[in-house]
């Protein structure tokens, strides 16, 4: 998963963990006439339906979380590669400048009087 990729890069995940995981089994129906059954925002939905909806919402949140982590890992890898390329270019420039002869007379100024 992307968390392992981020850990291998030494980067903490930026995306927050999704909402708490729903229970593994649906809840029991509340007793008819109790205060919780009449004031609940999802009155009329069975516990099984609410449980299924909660799991669908959680699964969507987990998929979004995985996508955000993967994007973060990819961006981190790209940034590191760009930084490495930049460092290598700088090293090549320094090497080329050391290998070039020191600034001296050019051909035209050096050989002109002899023509």
C-alpha atoms as a PDB file:
ATOM      1  CA  UNK A   1       0.000   0.000   0.000  1.00  0.00           C
ATOM      2  CA  UNK A   2       1.021   3.615  -0.286  1.00  0.00           C
ATOM      3  CA  UNK A   3       1.790   3.939   3.439  1.00  0.00           C
ATOM      4  CA  UNK A   4       4.702   1.519   3.044  1.00  0.00           C
ATOM      5  CA  UNK A   5       5.964   3.510   0.050  1.00  0.00           C
ATOM      6  CA  UNK A   6       5.798   6.718   2.078  1.00  0.00           C
ATOM      7  CA  UNK A   7       7.538   5.101   5.048  1.00  0.00           C
ATOM      8  CA  UNK A   8      10.332   3.847   2.770  1.00  0.00           C
ATOM      9  CA  UNK A   9      10.769   7.443   1.567  1.00  0.00           C
ATOM     10  CA  UNK A  10      10.779   8.690   5.164  1.00  0.00           C
ATOM     11  CA  UNK A  11       7.684  10.841   4.653  1.00  0.00           C
ATOM     12  CA  UNK A  12       4.692  10.821   7.025  1.00  0.00           C
ATOM     13  CA  UNK A  13       1.295  10.520   5.326  1.00  0.00           C
ATOM     14  CA  UNK A  14      -0.500  13.849   4.987  1.00  0.00           C
ATOM     15  CA  UNK A  15      -3.974  12.421   4.463  1.00  0.00           C
ATOM     16  CA  UNK A  16      -5.943  11.837   7.662  1.00  0.00           C
ATOM     17  CA  UNK A  17      -7.298   8.370   8.385  1.00  0.00           C
ATOM     18  CA  UNK A  18     -10.968   8.054   7.378  1.00  0.00           C
ATOM     19  CA  UNK A  19     -13.812   7.932   9.860  1.00  0.00           C
ATOM     20  CA  UNK A  20     -14.019   5.059  12.347  1.00  0.00           C
ATOM     21  CA  UNK A  21     -14.688   1.652  10.905  1.00  0.00           C
ATOM     22  CA  UNK A  22     -18.278   0.437  11.232  1.00  0.00           C
ATOM     23  CA  UNK A  23     -18.971  -2.663  13.335  1.00  0.00           C
ATOM     24  CA  UNK A  24     -18.588  -6.063  11.720  1.00  0.00           C
ATOM     25  CA  UNK A  25     -22.245  -6.904  12.299  1.00  0.00           C
ATOM     26  CA  UNK A  26     -25.374  -4.773  12.020  1.00  0.00           C
ATOM     27  CA  UNK A  27     -26.890  -3.418  15.200  1.00  0.00           C
ATOM     28  CA  UNK A  28     -30.088  -4.701  16.737  1.00  0.00           C
ATOM     29  CA  UNK A  29     -33.295  -2.879  16.027  1.00  0.00           C
ATOM     30  CA  UNK A  30     -34.330  -0.528  18.800  1.00  0.00           C
ATOM     31  CA  UNK A  31     -37.497  -1.228  20.701  1.00  0.00           C
ATOM     32  CA  UNK A  32     -40.597   0.350  19.219  1.00  0.00           C
ATOM     33  CA  UNK A  33     -41.649   3.445  21.091  1.00  0.00           C
ATOM     34  CA  UNK A  34     -38.250   4.150  22.609  1.00  0.00           C
ATOM     35  CA  UNK A  35     -36.926   7.685  22.392  1.00  0.00           C
ATOM     36  CA  UNK A  36     -33.963   6.662  20.257  1.00  0.00           C
ATOM     37  CA  UNK A  37     -36.145   5.183  17.538  1.00  0.00           C
ATOM     38  CA  UNK A  38     -38.250   8.305  17.095  1.00  0.00           C
ATOM     39  CA  UNK A  39     -35.521  10.962  17.291  1.00  0.00           C
ATOM     40  CA  UNK A  40     -32.877   9.215  15.193  1.00  0.00           C
ATOM     41  CA  UNK A  41     -32.092  10.992  11.911  1.00  0.00           C
ATOM     42  CA  UNK A  42     -32.359   7.713   9.995  1.00  0.00           C
ATOM     43  CA  UNK A  43     -35.767   6.695  11.326  1.00  0.00           C
ATOM     44  CA  UNK A  44     -37.372   4.233   8.985  1.00  0.00           C
ATOM     45  CA  UNK A  45     -34.139   2.570   7.905  1.00  0.00           C
ATOM     46  CA  UNK A  46     -33.511  -0.905   9.160  1.00  0.00           C
ATOM     47  CA  UNK A  47     -30.314  -1.505  11.150  1.00  0.00           C
ATOM     48  CA  UNK A  48     -29.095  -3.742   8.329  1.00  0.00           C
ATOM     49  CA  UNK A  49     -29.623  -0.983   5.770  1.00  0.00           C
ATOM     50  CA  UNK A  50     -27.911   1.602   7.963  1.00  0.00           C
ATOM     51  CA  UNK A  51     -25.021  -0.811   8.527  1.00  0.00           C
ATOM     52  CA  UNK A  52     -24.720  -1.454   4.770  1.00  0.00           C
ATOM     53  CA  UNK A  53     -24.796   2.286   4.064  1.00  0.00           C
ATOM     54  CA  UNK A  54     -22.147   2.919   6.738  1.00  0.00           C
ATOM     55  CA  UNK A  55     -19.910   0.258   5.187  1.00  0.00           C
ATOM     56  CA  UNK A  56     -20.404   1.685   1.689  1.00  0.00           C
ATOM     57  CA  UNK A  57     -19.477   5.148   2.972  1.00  0.00           C
ATOM     58  CA  UNK A  58     -16.450   3.773   4.823  1.00  0.00           C
ATOM     59  CA  UNK A  59     -15.275   1.850   1.764  1.00  0.00           C
ATOM     60  CA  UNK A  60     -15.522   4.997  -0.362  1.00  0.00           C
ATOM     61  CA  UNK A  61     -13.562   6.927   2.263  1.00  0.00           C
ATOM     62  CA  UNK A  62     -10.881   4.216   2.324  1.00  0.00           C
ATOM     63  CA  UNK A  63     -10.590   4.271  -1.475  1.00  0.00           C
ATOM     64  CA  UNK A  64     -10.212   8.072  -1.410  1.00  0.00           C
ATOM     65  CA  UNK A  65      -7.624   7.720   1.351  1.00  0.00           C
ATOM     66  CA  UNK A  66      -5.638   5.193  -0.695  1.00  0.00           C
ATOM     67  CA  UNK A  67      -5.729   7.462  -3.754  1.00  0.00           C
ATOM     68  CA  UNK A  68      -4.502  10.465  -1.733  1.00  0.00           C
ATOM     69  CA  UNK A  69      -1.675   8.430  -0.204  1.00  0.00           C
ATOM     70  CA  UNK A  70      -0.642   7.057  -3.597  1.00  0.00           C
ATOM     71  CA  UNK A  71      -0.629  10.576  -5.051  1.00  0.00           C
ATOM     72  CA  UNK A  72       1.496  11.790  -2.144  1.00  0.00           C
ATOM     73  CA  UNK A  73       3.959   8.916  -2.624  1.00  0.00           C
ATOM     74  CA  UNK A  74       4.177   9.586  -6.365  1.00  0.00           C
ATOM     75  CA  UNK A  75       4.704  13.321  -5.838  1.00  0.00           C
ATOM     76  CA  UNK A  76       7.412  12.634  -3.259  1.00  0.00           C
ATOM     77  CA  UNK A  77       9.224  10.241  -5.617  1.00  0.00           C
ATOM     78  CA  UNK A  78       9.036  12.771  -8.467  1.00  0.00           C
ATOM     79  CA  UNK A  79      10.327  15.588  -6.243  1.00  0.00           C
ATOM     80  CA  UNK A  80      13.232  13.435  -5.072  1.00  0.00           C
ATOM     81  CA  UNK A  81      14.090  12.462  -8.659  1.00  0.00           C
ATOM     82  CA  UNK A  82      13.966  16.101  -9.771  1.00  0.00           C
ATOM     83  CA  UNK A  83      16.223  17.067  -6.883  1.00  0.00           C
ATOM     84  CA  UNK A  84      18.680  14.309  -7.810  1.00  0.00           C
ATOM     85  CA  UNK A  85      18.681  15.416 -11.457  1.00  0.00           C
ATOM     86  CA  UNK A  86      19.316  19.003 -10.390  1.00  0.00           C
ATOM     87  CA  UNK A  87      22.226  17.926  -8.180  1.00  0.00           C
ATOM     88  CA  UNK A  88      23.704  15.804 -10.983  1.00  0.00           C
ATOM     89  CA  UNK A  89      23.451  18.713 -13.431  1.00  0.00           C
ATOM     90  CA  UNK A  90      25.261  20.962 -10.982  1.00  0.00           C
ATOM     91  CA  UNK A  91      28.008  18.359 -10.510  1.00  0.00           C
ATOM     92  CA  UNK A  92      28.366  18.038 -14.293  1.00  0.00           C
ATOM     93  CA  UNK A  93      28.674  21.832 -14.659  1.00  0.00           C
ATOM     94  CA  UNK A  94      31.368  21.921 -11.991  1.00  0.00           C
ATOM     95  CA  UNK A  95      33.226  19.032 -13.611  1.00  0.00           C
ATOM     96  CA  UNK A  96      33.068  20.655 -17.046  1.00  0.00           C
ATOM     97  CA  UNK A  97      34.310  23.966 -15.655  1.00  0.00           C
ATOM     98  CA  UNK A  98      37.279  22.172 -14.030  1.00  0.00           C
ATOM     99  CA  UNK A  99      38.133  20.323 -17.234  1.00  0.00           C
ATOM    100  CA  UNK A 100      38.001  23.376 -19.505  1.00  0.00           C
ATOM    101  CA  UNK A 101      41.327  25.143 -19.962  1.00  0.00           C
ATOM    102  CA  UNK A 102      41.770  28.384 -18.127  1.00  0.00           C
ATOM    103  CA  UNK A 103      40.821  31.528 -19.953  1.00  0.00           C
ATOM    104  CA  UNK A 104      43.717  32.552 -22.165  1.00  0.00           C
ATOM    105  CA  UNK A 105      44.112  34.322 -25.428  1.00  0.00           C
ATOM    106  CA  UNK A 106      41.706  33.278 -28.118  1.00  0.00           C
ATOM    107  CA  UNK A 107      42.892  32.153 -31.497  1.00  0.00           C
ATOM    108  CA  UNK A 108      42.192  35.487 -33.134  1.00  0.00           C
ATOM    109  CA  UNK A 109      44.049  37.610 -30.577  1.00  0.00           C
ATOM    110  CA  UNK A 110      46.927  35.201 -30.155  1.00  0.00           C
ATOM    111  CA  UNK A 111      47.731  34.461 -33.786  1.00  0.00           C
ATOM    112  CA  UNK A 112      46.623  37.706 -35.415  1.00  0.00           C
ATOM    113  CA  UNK A 113      49.985  39.508 -35.318  1.00  0.00           C
ATOM    114  CA  UNK A 114      51.704  36.547 -37.009  1.00  0.00           C
ATOM    115  CA  UNK A 115      49.511  36.550 -40.106  1.00  0.00           C
END
